[in-house]
N, C-alpha and C. Protein backbone atom coordinates (compact mmCIF):
# COMPACT_ATOMS: atom_id res chain seq x y z
N MET A 1 0.84 -1.20 0.00
CA MET A 1 0.00 0.00 0.00
C MET A 1 0.88 1.25 0.00
N ALA A 2 0.58 2.20 -0.89
CA ALA A 2 1.34 3.45 -0.92
C ALA A 2 1.09 4.23 0.36
N PRO A 3 2.11 4.94 0.84
CA PRO A 3 1.91 5.70 2.08
C PRO A 3 0.94 6.85 1.90
N SER A 4 0.27 7.24 2.99
CA SER A 4 -0.61 8.41 2.95
C SER A 4 0.24 9.67 2.90
N TRP A 5 -0.42 10.81 2.80
CA TRP A 5 0.31 12.08 2.80
C TRP A 5 1.04 12.31 4.11
N GLN A 6 0.64 11.61 5.16
CA GLN A 6 1.32 11.73 6.45
C GLN A 6 2.35 10.62 6.65
N GLY A 7 2.45 9.71 5.68
CA GLY A 7 3.46 8.67 5.76
C GLY A 7 2.95 7.32 6.25
N GLN A 8 1.67 7.23 6.65
CA GLN A 8 1.14 5.96 7.14
C GLN A 8 0.93 4.99 5.98
N ARG A 9 1.21 3.72 6.22
CA ARG A 9 0.99 2.68 5.21
C ARG A 9 -0.20 1.79 5.56
N GLY A 10 -0.61 1.78 6.80
CA GLY A 10 -1.75 0.97 7.19
C GLY A 10 -3.06 1.70 6.94
N ALA A 11 -4.16 0.96 7.00
CA ALA A 11 -5.48 1.56 6.83
C ALA A 11 -5.93 2.19 8.14
N ALA A 12 -6.60 3.33 8.03
CA ALA A 12 -7.09 4.03 9.20
C ALA A 12 -8.42 3.46 9.67
N THR A 13 -8.70 3.64 10.95
CA THR A 13 -10.05 3.41 11.46
C THR A 13 -10.84 4.68 11.22
N ARG A 14 -11.86 4.56 10.39
CA ARG A 14 -12.69 5.74 10.08
C ARG A 14 -13.82 5.83 11.10
N VAL A 15 -13.90 6.97 11.77
CA VAL A 15 -14.93 7.19 12.78
C VAL A 15 -15.90 8.24 12.24
N ILE A 16 -17.12 7.81 11.96
CA ILE A 16 -18.15 8.72 11.48
C ILE A 16 -18.94 9.20 12.70
N LEU A 17 -18.86 10.47 12.96
CA LEU A 17 -19.42 11.06 14.17
C LEU A 17 -20.79 11.68 13.87
N LEU A 18 -21.80 11.16 14.53
CA LEU A 18 -23.17 11.65 14.33
C LEU A 18 -23.70 12.24 15.62
N ARG A 19 -24.08 13.52 15.56
CA ARG A 19 -24.73 14.12 16.73
C ARG A 19 -26.20 13.70 16.75
N HIS A 20 -26.75 13.55 17.94
CA HIS A 20 -28.16 13.15 18.08
C HIS A 20 -29.10 14.21 17.50
N GLY A 21 -30.33 13.82 17.30
CA GLY A 21 -31.35 14.73 16.80
C GLY A 21 -31.90 15.64 17.88
N GLN A 22 -32.87 16.44 17.48
CA GLN A 22 -33.44 17.48 18.33
C GLN A 22 -34.19 16.92 19.54
N THR A 23 -34.04 17.61 20.69
CA THR A 23 -34.85 17.36 21.88
C THR A 23 -35.51 18.66 22.29
N ALA A 24 -36.41 18.59 23.27
CA ALA A 24 -37.06 19.82 23.75
C ALA A 24 -36.04 20.78 24.35
N LEU A 25 -35.00 20.26 24.99
CA LEU A 25 -33.98 21.14 25.58
C LEU A 25 -33.15 21.83 24.50
N SER A 26 -32.89 21.14 23.41
CA SER A 26 -32.12 21.79 22.34
C SER A 26 -32.95 22.86 21.64
N VAL A 27 -34.26 22.68 21.58
CA VAL A 27 -35.14 23.71 21.01
C VAL A 27 -34.98 25.01 21.78
N ASP A 28 -34.95 24.91 23.11
CA ASP A 28 -34.84 26.09 23.98
C ASP A 28 -33.40 26.48 24.26
N ARG A 29 -32.44 25.79 23.64
CA ARG A 29 -31.01 26.07 23.83
C ARG A 29 -30.62 26.03 25.31
N ARG A 30 -30.99 24.93 25.94
CA ARG A 30 -30.66 24.73 27.34
C ARG A 30 -29.54 23.71 27.48
N TYR A 31 -28.71 23.86 28.51
CA TYR A 31 -27.64 22.90 28.75
C TYR A 31 -28.27 21.52 28.97
N SER A 32 -27.84 20.58 28.16
CA SER A 32 -28.40 19.23 28.21
C SER A 32 -27.25 18.25 28.27
N GLY A 33 -26.92 17.83 29.49
CA GLY A 33 -25.80 16.93 29.69
C GLY A 33 -26.26 15.53 30.05
N ARG A 34 -26.31 15.25 31.35
CA ARG A 34 -26.70 13.92 31.81
C ARG A 34 -28.21 13.78 31.92
N GLY A 35 -28.94 14.87 31.71
CA GLY A 35 -30.38 14.76 31.63
C GLY A 35 -30.75 13.84 30.48
N ASN A 36 -31.98 13.34 30.47
CA ASN A 36 -32.28 12.26 29.53
C ASN A 36 -33.55 12.49 28.72
N PRO A 37 -33.66 13.63 28.02
CA PRO A 37 -34.86 13.86 27.22
C PRO A 37 -34.88 12.97 25.98
N GLU A 38 -36.07 12.72 25.48
CA GLU A 38 -36.22 11.96 24.24
C GLU A 38 -36.16 12.91 23.05
N LEU A 39 -36.04 12.33 21.87
CA LEU A 39 -36.11 13.13 20.66
C LEU A 39 -37.52 13.69 20.47
N THR A 40 -37.59 14.88 19.92
CA THR A 40 -38.87 15.42 19.48
C THR A 40 -39.26 14.75 18.16
N GLU A 41 -40.43 15.08 17.66
CA GLU A 41 -40.83 14.55 16.35
C GLU A 41 -39.83 14.99 15.28
N THR A 42 -39.39 16.24 15.36
CA THR A 42 -38.37 16.70 14.42
C THR A 42 -37.08 15.90 14.59
N GLY A 43 -36.71 15.64 15.84
CA GLY A 43 -35.52 14.85 16.11
C GLY A 43 -35.60 13.45 15.53
N ARG A 44 -36.79 12.85 15.60
CA ARG A 44 -36.95 11.51 15.02
C ARG A 44 -36.83 11.54 13.50
N ARG A 45 -37.34 12.60 12.90
CA ARG A 45 -37.19 12.74 11.44
C ARG A 45 -35.72 12.93 11.08
N GLN A 46 -35.00 13.70 11.89
CA GLN A 46 -33.57 13.90 11.65
C GLN A 46 -32.82 12.58 11.76
N ALA A 47 -33.18 11.77 12.74
CA ALA A 47 -32.53 10.47 12.91
C ALA A 47 -32.78 9.57 11.70
N GLN A 48 -34.01 9.59 11.20
CA GLN A 48 -34.32 8.77 10.02
C GLN A 48 -33.59 9.27 8.78
N ALA A 49 -33.43 10.58 8.67
CA ALA A 49 -32.70 11.13 7.53
C ALA A 49 -31.23 10.71 7.59
N ALA A 50 -30.65 10.75 8.79
CA ALA A 50 -29.27 10.29 8.95
C ALA A 50 -29.17 8.81 8.64
N ALA A 51 -30.14 8.04 9.10
CA ALA A 51 -30.15 6.59 8.84
C ALA A 51 -30.19 6.31 7.34
N ALA A 52 -30.99 7.09 6.61
CA ALA A 52 -31.06 6.90 5.16
C ALA A 52 -29.71 7.17 4.51
N ALA A 53 -29.00 8.19 5.02
CA ALA A 53 -27.67 8.50 4.47
C ALA A 53 -26.70 7.35 4.71
N PHE A 54 -26.73 6.78 5.89
CA PHE A 54 -25.85 5.66 6.19
C PHE A 54 -26.27 4.41 5.42
N GLY A 55 -27.57 4.25 5.23
CA GLY A 55 -28.05 3.12 4.46
C GLY A 55 -27.57 3.18 3.02
N SER A 56 -27.57 4.38 2.45
CA SER A 56 -27.08 4.55 1.09
C SER A 56 -25.59 4.25 1.01
N LEU A 57 -24.86 4.66 2.04
CA LEU A 57 -23.42 4.40 2.09
C LEU A 57 -23.15 2.90 2.11
N ALA A 58 -23.87 2.20 2.98
CA ALA A 58 -23.68 0.76 3.10
C ALA A 58 -24.10 0.04 1.82
N HIS A 59 -25.21 0.49 1.23
CA HIS A 59 -25.72 -0.16 0.02
C HIS A 59 -24.75 0.00 -1.14
N ALA A 60 -24.07 1.16 -1.17
CA ALA A 60 -23.12 1.42 -2.25
C ALA A 60 -21.81 0.68 -2.05
N GLY A 61 -21.63 0.11 -0.86
CA GLY A 61 -20.40 -0.61 -0.58
C GLY A 61 -19.22 0.30 -0.36
N ASP A 62 -19.49 1.59 -0.09
CA ASP A 62 -18.42 2.57 0.08
C ASP A 62 -17.95 2.58 1.54
N GLY A 63 -17.26 1.53 1.93
CA GLY A 63 -16.78 1.45 3.30
C GLY A 63 -17.82 0.82 4.21
N GLU A 64 -17.84 -0.52 4.27
CA GLU A 64 -18.82 -1.22 5.09
C GLU A 64 -18.69 -0.80 6.55
N ILE A 65 -19.83 -0.56 7.19
CA ILE A 65 -19.84 -0.10 8.58
C ILE A 65 -19.78 -1.30 9.52
N ALA A 66 -18.73 -1.33 10.34
CA ALA A 66 -18.51 -2.48 11.22
C ALA A 66 -19.34 -2.42 12.48
N ALA A 67 -19.65 -1.21 12.97
CA ALA A 67 -20.34 -1.09 14.25
C ALA A 67 -20.97 0.28 14.39
N VAL A 68 -22.01 0.34 15.22
CA VAL A 68 -22.61 1.60 15.65
C VAL A 68 -22.45 1.66 17.16
N VAL A 69 -21.71 2.66 17.63
CA VAL A 69 -21.42 2.80 19.06
C VAL A 69 -22.05 4.09 19.54
N SER A 70 -22.78 4.05 20.66
CA SER A 70 -23.58 5.19 21.09
C SER A 70 -23.41 5.50 22.57
N SER A 71 -23.52 6.77 22.87
CA SER A 71 -23.76 7.20 24.25
C SER A 71 -25.02 6.51 24.76
N PRO A 72 -25.10 6.21 26.07
CA PRO A 72 -26.25 5.47 26.58
C PRO A 72 -27.50 6.31 26.85
N LEU A 73 -27.48 7.61 26.55
CA LEU A 73 -28.65 8.44 26.81
C LEU A 73 -29.71 8.23 25.73
N ARG A 74 -30.97 8.52 26.09
CA ARG A 74 -32.07 8.19 25.18
C ARG A 74 -31.97 8.89 23.83
N ARG A 75 -31.59 10.16 23.84
CA ARG A 75 -31.55 10.91 22.58
C ARG A 75 -30.53 10.33 21.60
N THR A 76 -29.41 9.84 22.14
CA THR A 76 -28.41 9.22 21.26
C THR A 76 -28.81 7.81 20.88
N LEU A 77 -29.37 7.06 21.82
CA LEU A 77 -29.79 5.70 21.50
C LEU A 77 -30.91 5.68 20.46
N GLN A 78 -31.82 6.65 20.53
CA GLN A 78 -32.88 6.71 19.53
C GLN A 78 -32.30 7.03 18.15
N THR A 79 -31.34 7.94 18.12
CA THR A 79 -30.68 8.29 16.86
C THR A 79 -29.87 7.11 16.33
N ALA A 80 -29.10 6.50 17.21
CA ALA A 80 -28.28 5.35 16.82
C ALA A 80 -29.14 4.18 16.37
N GLY A 81 -30.28 3.99 17.05
CA GLY A 81 -31.15 2.88 16.71
C GLY A 81 -31.68 2.97 15.29
N ALA A 82 -31.99 4.19 14.86
CA ALA A 82 -32.48 4.37 13.49
C ALA A 82 -31.40 3.99 12.49
N VAL A 83 -30.15 4.39 12.77
CA VAL A 83 -29.04 4.06 11.87
C VAL A 83 -28.77 2.56 11.87
N ALA A 84 -28.70 1.98 13.06
CA ALA A 84 -28.38 0.56 13.19
C ALA A 84 -29.43 -0.31 12.50
N GLU A 85 -30.69 0.05 12.65
CA GLU A 85 -31.75 -0.71 11.99
C GLU A 85 -31.62 -0.65 10.48
N ARG A 86 -31.26 0.52 9.97
CA ARG A 86 -31.15 0.69 8.52
C ARG A 86 -30.01 -0.13 7.93
N ILE A 87 -28.89 -0.23 8.65
CA ILE A 87 -27.74 -0.93 8.08
C ILE A 87 -27.60 -2.37 8.59
N GLY A 88 -28.47 -2.76 9.55
CA GLY A 88 -28.50 -4.16 9.97
C GLY A 88 -27.44 -4.56 10.98
N VAL A 89 -27.14 -3.68 11.94
CA VAL A 89 -26.23 -4.04 13.01
C VAL A 89 -26.88 -3.68 14.35
N ASP A 90 -26.29 -4.14 15.45
CA ASP A 90 -26.76 -3.79 16.78
C ASP A 90 -26.08 -2.50 17.25
N VAL A 91 -26.67 -1.85 18.25
CA VAL A 91 -26.07 -0.67 18.86
C VAL A 91 -25.25 -1.10 20.06
N ASP A 92 -24.01 -0.64 20.10
CA ASP A 92 -23.12 -0.90 21.23
C ASP A 92 -23.08 0.36 22.09
N GLU A 93 -23.59 0.30 23.31
CA GLU A 93 -23.58 1.45 24.21
C GLU A 93 -22.21 1.60 24.88
N HIS A 94 -21.77 2.87 25.02
CA HIS A 94 -20.48 3.13 25.67
C HIS A 94 -20.61 4.36 26.56
N GLU A 95 -20.40 4.17 27.86
CA GLU A 95 -20.51 5.27 28.83
C GLU A 95 -19.54 6.41 28.52
N GLY A 96 -18.41 6.09 27.91
CA GLY A 96 -17.41 7.11 27.64
C GLY A 96 -17.85 8.16 26.65
N LEU A 97 -18.95 7.89 25.92
CA LEU A 97 -19.43 8.83 24.91
C LEU A 97 -20.54 9.73 25.41
N ILE A 98 -20.84 9.67 26.70
CA ILE A 98 -21.91 10.48 27.27
C ILE A 98 -21.52 11.96 27.25
N GLU A 99 -22.52 12.83 27.24
CA GLU A 99 -22.26 14.27 27.21
C GLU A 99 -21.64 14.76 28.52
N THR A 100 -21.06 15.95 28.46
CA THR A 100 -20.52 16.61 29.65
C THR A 100 -21.57 16.64 30.76
N ASP A 101 -21.12 16.42 31.98
CA ASP A 101 -22.00 16.61 33.14
C ASP A 101 -22.00 18.10 33.47
N PHE A 102 -23.11 18.77 33.19
CA PHE A 102 -23.21 20.21 33.44
C PHE A 102 -23.61 20.54 34.87
N GLY A 103 -23.74 19.53 35.70
CA GLY A 103 -23.99 19.76 37.12
C GLY A 103 -25.21 20.62 37.38
N GLU A 104 -24.99 21.70 38.14
CA GLU A 104 -26.10 22.57 38.55
C GLU A 104 -26.62 23.44 37.41
N TRP A 105 -25.95 23.41 36.27
CA TRP A 105 -26.43 24.17 35.11
C TRP A 105 -27.33 23.35 34.21
N GLU A 106 -27.51 22.10 34.51
CA GLU A 106 -28.36 21.24 33.69
C GLU A 106 -29.75 21.85 33.55
N GLY A 107 -30.21 22.00 32.32
CA GLY A 107 -31.53 22.53 32.05
C GLY A 107 -31.62 24.04 32.00
N LEU A 108 -30.52 24.74 32.32
CA LEU A 108 -30.51 26.20 32.27
C LEU A 108 -30.10 26.68 30.88
N THR A 109 -30.51 27.89 30.53
CA THR A 109 -30.01 28.52 29.33
C THR A 109 -28.64 29.13 29.62
N PHE A 110 -27.93 29.54 28.58
CA PHE A 110 -26.65 30.22 28.73
C PHE A 110 -26.80 31.43 29.65
N THR A 111 -27.83 32.23 29.40
CA THR A 111 -28.05 33.45 30.18
C THR A 111 -28.34 33.14 31.64
N GLU A 112 -29.15 32.11 31.88
CA GLU A 112 -29.49 31.73 33.25
C GLU A 112 -28.27 31.22 34.02
N ALA A 113 -27.44 30.42 33.35
CA ALA A 113 -26.23 29.90 34.01
C ALA A 113 -25.26 31.03 34.30
N ALA A 114 -25.11 31.96 33.36
CA ALA A 114 -24.20 33.09 33.55
C ALA A 114 -24.67 33.98 34.69
N ALA A 115 -25.97 34.16 34.82
CA ALA A 115 -26.51 34.98 35.91
C ALA A 115 -26.37 34.28 37.26
N ARG A 116 -26.51 32.97 37.26
CA ARG A 116 -26.44 32.20 38.50
C ARG A 116 -25.02 32.16 39.06
N ASP A 117 -24.05 31.93 38.20
CA ASP A 117 -22.65 31.80 38.62
C ASP A 117 -21.76 32.59 37.67
N PRO A 118 -21.83 33.92 37.72
CA PRO A 118 -21.15 34.73 36.70
C PRO A 118 -19.65 34.51 36.60
N HIS A 119 -18.97 34.42 37.74
CA HIS A 119 -17.51 34.30 37.70
C HIS A 119 -17.09 32.91 37.21
N VAL A 120 -17.74 31.88 37.71
CA VAL A 120 -17.41 30.52 37.28
C VAL A 120 -17.74 30.32 35.81
N HIS A 121 -18.89 30.84 35.41
CA HIS A 121 -19.31 30.68 34.02
C HIS A 121 -18.32 31.36 33.07
N ALA A 122 -17.86 32.54 33.42
CA ALA A 122 -16.90 33.26 32.58
C ALA A 122 -15.59 32.48 32.47
N ARG A 123 -15.11 31.92 33.57
CA ARG A 123 -13.88 31.12 33.54
C ARG A 123 -14.09 29.84 32.74
N TRP A 124 -15.23 29.22 32.91
CA TRP A 124 -15.56 27.96 32.24
C TRP A 124 -15.53 28.12 30.72
N LEU A 125 -15.89 29.29 30.23
CA LEU A 125 -15.93 29.54 28.79
C LEU A 125 -14.55 29.63 28.16
N GLY A 126 -13.50 29.73 28.98
CA GLY A 126 -12.18 29.86 28.42
C GLY A 126 -11.14 28.91 28.98
N ASP A 127 -11.52 28.09 29.94
CA ASP A 127 -10.56 27.21 30.60
C ASP A 127 -11.15 25.81 30.68
N VAL A 128 -10.57 24.87 29.94
CA VAL A 128 -11.13 23.53 29.88
C VAL A 128 -10.96 22.76 31.19
N GLU A 129 -10.15 23.26 32.11
CA GLU A 129 -9.96 22.59 33.39
C GLU A 129 -11.02 22.96 34.42
N VAL A 130 -11.83 23.98 34.12
CA VAL A 130 -12.85 24.46 35.07
C VAL A 130 -14.15 23.69 34.85
N PRO A 131 -14.65 23.00 35.88
CA PRO A 131 -15.93 22.29 35.73
C PRO A 131 -17.12 23.19 36.03
N ALA A 132 -18.26 22.84 35.51
CA ALA A 132 -19.50 23.48 35.95
C ALA A 132 -19.71 23.11 37.42
N PRO A 133 -20.40 23.95 38.20
CA PRO A 133 -20.63 23.61 39.61
C PRO A 133 -21.30 22.25 39.75
N GLY A 134 -20.63 21.36 40.48
CA GLY A 134 -21.17 20.02 40.66
C GLY A 134 -21.08 19.14 39.43
N GLY A 135 -20.32 19.60 38.42
CA GLY A 135 -20.27 18.88 37.16
C GLY A 135 -18.86 18.49 36.74
N GLU A 136 -18.62 18.55 35.46
CA GLU A 136 -17.42 17.99 34.85
C GLU A 136 -16.74 19.03 33.98
N SER A 137 -15.42 19.00 33.91
CA SER A 137 -14.69 19.90 33.04
C SER A 137 -14.60 19.32 31.63
N PHE A 138 -14.33 20.19 30.66
CA PHE A 138 -14.13 19.73 29.29
C PHE A 138 -12.87 18.88 29.18
N ALA A 139 -11.88 19.15 30.03
CA ALA A 139 -10.66 18.34 30.02
C ALA A 139 -10.96 16.90 30.42
N ALA A 140 -11.85 16.73 31.39
CA ALA A 140 -12.23 15.38 31.82
C ALA A 140 -12.97 14.65 30.70
N VAL A 141 -13.83 15.38 29.99
CA VAL A 141 -14.54 14.78 28.86
C VAL A 141 -13.55 14.33 27.79
N ALA A 142 -12.58 15.20 27.49
CA ALA A 142 -11.59 14.89 26.46
C ALA A 142 -10.81 13.62 26.81
N LYS A 143 -10.48 13.45 28.08
CA LYS A 143 -9.71 12.28 28.50
C LYS A 143 -10.50 11.00 28.28
N ARG A 144 -11.76 10.98 28.72
CA ARG A 144 -12.52 9.72 28.58
C ARG A 144 -12.87 9.44 27.13
N VAL A 145 -13.09 10.49 26.33
CA VAL A 145 -13.40 10.29 24.92
C VAL A 145 -12.16 9.79 24.17
N SER A 146 -10.99 10.29 24.55
CA SER A 146 -9.75 9.80 23.95
C SER A 146 -9.55 8.33 24.24
N ASP A 147 -9.91 7.91 25.45
CA ASP A 147 -9.82 6.48 25.79
C ASP A 147 -10.75 5.65 24.91
N VAL A 148 -11.95 6.17 24.64
CA VAL A 148 -12.88 5.46 23.76
C VAL A 148 -12.28 5.34 22.36
N LYS A 149 -11.69 6.43 21.88
CA LYS A 149 -11.07 6.41 20.55
C LYS A 149 -9.99 5.35 20.47
N ASP A 150 -9.13 5.29 21.47
CA ASP A 150 -8.07 4.28 21.49
C ASP A 150 -8.65 2.86 21.45
N GLU A 151 -9.74 2.69 22.19
CA GLU A 151 -10.40 1.38 22.23
C GLU A 151 -10.96 1.01 20.87
N LEU A 152 -11.58 1.97 20.19
CA LEU A 152 -12.17 1.70 18.88
C LEU A 152 -11.11 1.40 17.83
N VAL A 153 -10.00 2.13 17.88
CA VAL A 153 -8.93 1.89 16.92
C VAL A 153 -8.35 0.48 17.09
N GLN A 154 -8.24 0.04 18.33
CA GLN A 154 -7.73 -1.30 18.60
C GLN A 154 -8.74 -2.38 18.19
N ARG A 155 -10.02 -2.10 18.43
CA ARG A 155 -11.05 -3.10 18.16
C ARG A 155 -11.41 -3.20 16.68
N TYR A 156 -11.36 -2.06 15.97
CA TYR A 156 -11.77 -2.02 14.58
C TYR A 156 -10.67 -1.45 13.68
N PRO A 157 -9.51 -2.07 13.65
CA PRO A 157 -8.42 -1.54 12.83
C PRO A 157 -8.77 -1.55 11.34
N GLY A 158 -8.61 -0.39 10.71
CA GLY A 158 -8.87 -0.30 9.28
C GLY A 158 -10.32 -0.40 8.89
N GLN A 159 -11.23 -0.29 9.86
CA GLN A 159 -12.66 -0.42 9.58
C GLN A 159 -13.38 0.91 9.83
N THR A 160 -14.67 0.92 9.51
CA THR A 160 -15.49 2.12 9.69
C THR A 160 -16.48 1.91 10.83
N VAL A 161 -16.52 2.88 11.74
CA VAL A 161 -17.39 2.80 12.91
C VAL A 161 -18.22 4.09 12.97
N VAL A 162 -19.51 3.95 13.22
CA VAL A 162 -20.38 5.11 13.47
C VAL A 162 -20.44 5.35 14.98
N VAL A 163 -20.12 6.57 15.38
CA VAL A 163 -20.19 6.95 16.79
C VAL A 163 -21.29 8.00 16.94
N VAL A 164 -22.31 7.69 17.74
CA VAL A 164 -23.43 8.60 17.96
C VAL A 164 -23.28 9.21 19.34
N SER A 165 -23.10 10.53 19.37
CA SER A 165 -22.78 11.15 20.65
C SER A 165 -23.33 12.57 20.70
N HIS A 166 -22.65 13.42 21.45
CA HIS A 166 -23.12 14.77 21.78
C HIS A 166 -22.08 15.80 21.36
N VAL A 167 -22.41 17.06 21.55
CA VAL A 167 -21.55 18.14 21.08
C VAL A 167 -20.12 18.04 21.62
N THR A 168 -19.97 18.01 22.95
CA THR A 168 -18.63 18.06 23.51
C THR A 168 -17.79 16.83 23.17
N PRO A 169 -18.30 15.61 23.29
CA PRO A 169 -17.49 14.47 22.89
C PRO A 169 -17.09 14.50 21.42
N ILE A 170 -17.99 14.92 20.54
CA ILE A 170 -17.66 14.97 19.12
C ILE A 170 -16.59 16.03 18.86
N LYS A 171 -16.77 17.21 19.45
CA LYS A 171 -15.75 18.25 19.30
C LYS A 171 -14.41 17.79 19.85
N SER A 172 -14.44 17.06 20.95
CA SER A 172 -13.20 16.59 21.57
C SER A 172 -12.47 15.62 20.64
N LEU A 173 -13.22 14.74 19.97
CA LEU A 173 -12.60 13.81 19.04
C LEU A 173 -12.03 14.53 17.81
N LEU A 174 -12.76 15.53 17.32
CA LEU A 174 -12.26 16.31 16.19
C LEU A 174 -11.02 17.10 16.59
N ARG A 175 -11.04 17.64 17.80
CA ARG A 175 -9.88 18.38 18.29
C ARG A 175 -8.66 17.47 18.38
N GLU A 176 -8.85 16.25 18.87
CA GLU A 176 -7.74 15.32 18.98
C GLU A 176 -7.21 14.93 17.60
N ALA A 177 -8.12 14.70 16.66
CA ALA A 177 -7.69 14.34 15.32
C ALA A 177 -6.91 15.47 14.65
N LEU A 178 -7.32 16.71 14.91
CA LEU A 178 -6.64 17.86 14.32
C LEU A 178 -5.39 18.28 15.10
N ARG A 179 -5.31 17.82 16.35
CA ARG A 179 -4.21 18.20 17.23
C ARG A 179 -4.10 19.71 17.37
N VAL A 180 -5.23 20.31 17.73
CA VAL A 180 -5.30 21.75 17.92
C VAL A 180 -5.68 22.04 19.37
N GLY A 181 -5.62 23.30 19.73
CA GLY A 181 -5.88 23.72 21.10
C GLY A 181 -7.35 23.72 21.47
N PRO A 182 -7.64 24.06 22.72
CA PRO A 182 -9.02 24.01 23.23
C PRO A 182 -9.94 25.05 22.62
N GLU A 183 -9.39 26.02 21.89
CA GLU A 183 -10.24 27.03 21.27
C GLU A 183 -11.30 26.40 20.37
N LEU A 184 -10.98 25.26 19.79
CA LEU A 184 -11.93 24.59 18.91
C LEU A 184 -13.25 24.30 19.63
N LEU A 185 -13.17 23.95 20.90
CA LEU A 185 -14.38 23.61 21.66
C LEU A 185 -15.35 24.78 21.73
N PHE A 186 -14.80 25.99 21.75
CA PHE A 186 -15.64 27.17 21.95
C PHE A 186 -16.02 27.86 20.64
N ARG A 187 -15.39 27.45 19.52
CA ARG A 187 -15.60 28.17 18.27
C ARG A 187 -16.18 27.32 17.15
N LEU A 188 -16.20 26.02 17.32
CA LEU A 188 -16.76 25.14 16.30
C LEU A 188 -18.24 24.90 16.57
N HIS A 189 -19.06 25.09 15.56
CA HIS A 189 -20.50 24.83 15.70
C HIS A 189 -20.83 23.47 15.11
N LEU A 190 -21.64 22.71 15.82
CA LEU A 190 -22.13 21.42 15.33
C LEU A 190 -23.65 21.41 15.38
N ASP A 191 -24.27 21.21 14.24
CA ASP A 191 -25.73 21.17 14.18
C ASP A 191 -26.27 19.83 14.69
N LEU A 192 -27.52 19.85 15.06
CA LEU A 192 -28.21 18.61 15.42
C LEU A 192 -28.19 17.66 14.23
N ALA A 193 -27.95 16.38 14.51
CA ALA A 193 -27.94 15.32 13.50
C ALA A 193 -26.90 15.56 12.41
N SER A 194 -25.86 16.33 12.73
CA SER A 194 -24.79 16.56 11.76
C SER A 194 -23.80 15.39 11.75
N ILE A 195 -23.09 15.25 10.63
CA ILE A 195 -22.12 14.19 10.45
C ILE A 195 -20.73 14.79 10.27
N SER A 196 -19.77 14.26 11.00
CA SER A 196 -18.36 14.61 10.84
C SER A 196 -17.58 13.30 10.71
N ILE A 197 -16.41 13.37 10.09
CA ILE A 197 -15.61 12.16 9.89
C ILE A 197 -14.16 12.41 10.25
N ALA A 198 -13.62 11.55 11.10
CA ALA A 198 -12.20 11.58 11.45
C ALA A 198 -11.63 10.19 11.24
N GLU A 199 -10.37 10.14 10.86
CA GLU A 199 -9.68 8.87 10.68
C GLU A 199 -8.47 8.82 11.61
N PHE A 200 -8.30 7.67 12.26
CA PHE A 200 -7.22 7.49 13.21
C PHE A 200 -6.40 6.26 12.80
N PHE A 201 -5.07 6.44 12.71
CA PHE A 201 -4.16 5.36 12.37
C PHE A 201 -3.58 4.74 13.64
N ASP A 202 -3.21 3.47 13.54
CA ASP A 202 -2.71 2.79 14.73
C ASP A 202 -1.35 3.31 15.19
N ASP A 203 -0.66 4.11 14.35
CA ASP A 203 0.62 4.68 14.77
C ASP A 203 0.46 6.07 15.39
N GLY A 204 -0.79 6.50 15.55
CA GLY A 204 -1.06 7.79 16.18
C GLY A 204 -1.41 8.90 15.22
N GLY A 205 -1.25 8.68 13.92
CA GLY A 205 -1.63 9.70 12.95
C GLY A 205 -3.14 9.85 12.86
N SER A 206 -3.58 10.97 12.32
CA SER A 206 -5.02 11.21 12.21
C SER A 206 -5.29 12.26 11.15
N VAL A 207 -6.53 12.28 10.66
CA VAL A 207 -6.95 13.27 9.68
C VAL A 207 -8.45 13.48 9.83
N VAL A 208 -8.91 14.71 9.59
CA VAL A 208 -10.35 15.01 9.59
C VAL A 208 -10.78 15.18 8.15
N ARG A 209 -11.82 14.48 7.75
CA ARG A 209 -12.29 14.51 6.36
C ARG A 209 -13.59 15.28 6.17
N LEU A 210 -14.35 15.46 7.24
CA LEU A 210 -15.66 16.12 7.10
C LEU A 210 -16.06 16.69 8.46
N VAL A 211 -16.69 17.87 8.43
CA VAL A 211 -17.15 18.49 9.67
C VAL A 211 -18.54 19.09 9.46
N ASN A 212 -19.47 18.73 10.34
CA ASN A 212 -20.79 19.34 10.42
C ASN A 212 -21.57 19.28 9.10
N ASP A 213 -21.59 18.14 8.47
CA ASP A 213 -22.37 17.96 7.25
C ASP A 213 -23.84 17.74 7.60
N THR A 214 -24.70 18.53 7.03
CA THR A 214 -26.15 18.39 7.25
C THR A 214 -26.90 18.21 5.93
N SER A 215 -26.19 17.84 4.87
CA SER A 215 -26.81 17.74 3.54
C SER A 215 -27.93 16.71 3.53
N HIS A 216 -27.86 15.69 4.41
CA HIS A 216 -28.89 14.66 4.45
C HIS A 216 -30.20 15.16 5.05
N LEU A 217 -30.18 16.33 5.66
CA LEU A 217 -31.38 16.86 6.32
C LEU A 217 -32.17 17.78 5.40
N ARG A 218 -31.67 18.04 4.20
CA ARG A 218 -32.33 19.00 3.30
C ARG A 218 -33.41 18.32 2.49
């Protein structure tokens, strides 16, 4: 096999990152971490649209999907279930893909959280080591998500895996693949039911091929 532009000769593990569909909390732009809302009707339609996109991919034989791995929360499991049913695989739940624990800010809007804890909220927006009150830091999320990535690369070498998760875990995986600073977490936008793609090589190399694609929702 000819080497890649980065010098790798082995096949990468392709990780297709799918954000869950709409929930009532996302409609109101509220912090939604360990809370467990279901998809709205719009969210279910988004999940089916994503499933159709993956079904077309599998049908075309363009990189057979080896597994669908999901955060264990309802909104991600419902989204993952639609994809898994379409391509004919089971959903593998993984705790490491769960959203950030927003602690006492769970269910609050940005404005409400900033008013409740102005100094902590301001620091939290620029420092990944600062956790939400009673919650989790972005640095902690990045660590557990990186562990999941290592596990997937070992389990599915050279294969394609769909990962259904949330904003922070997906951004964390893209940040790791790009090897960029924490600014990405605060400046990258990810739409509901969007698709991103990162590839990870067993020698530690990585590349991002797609970010925030929503063409399947049109």
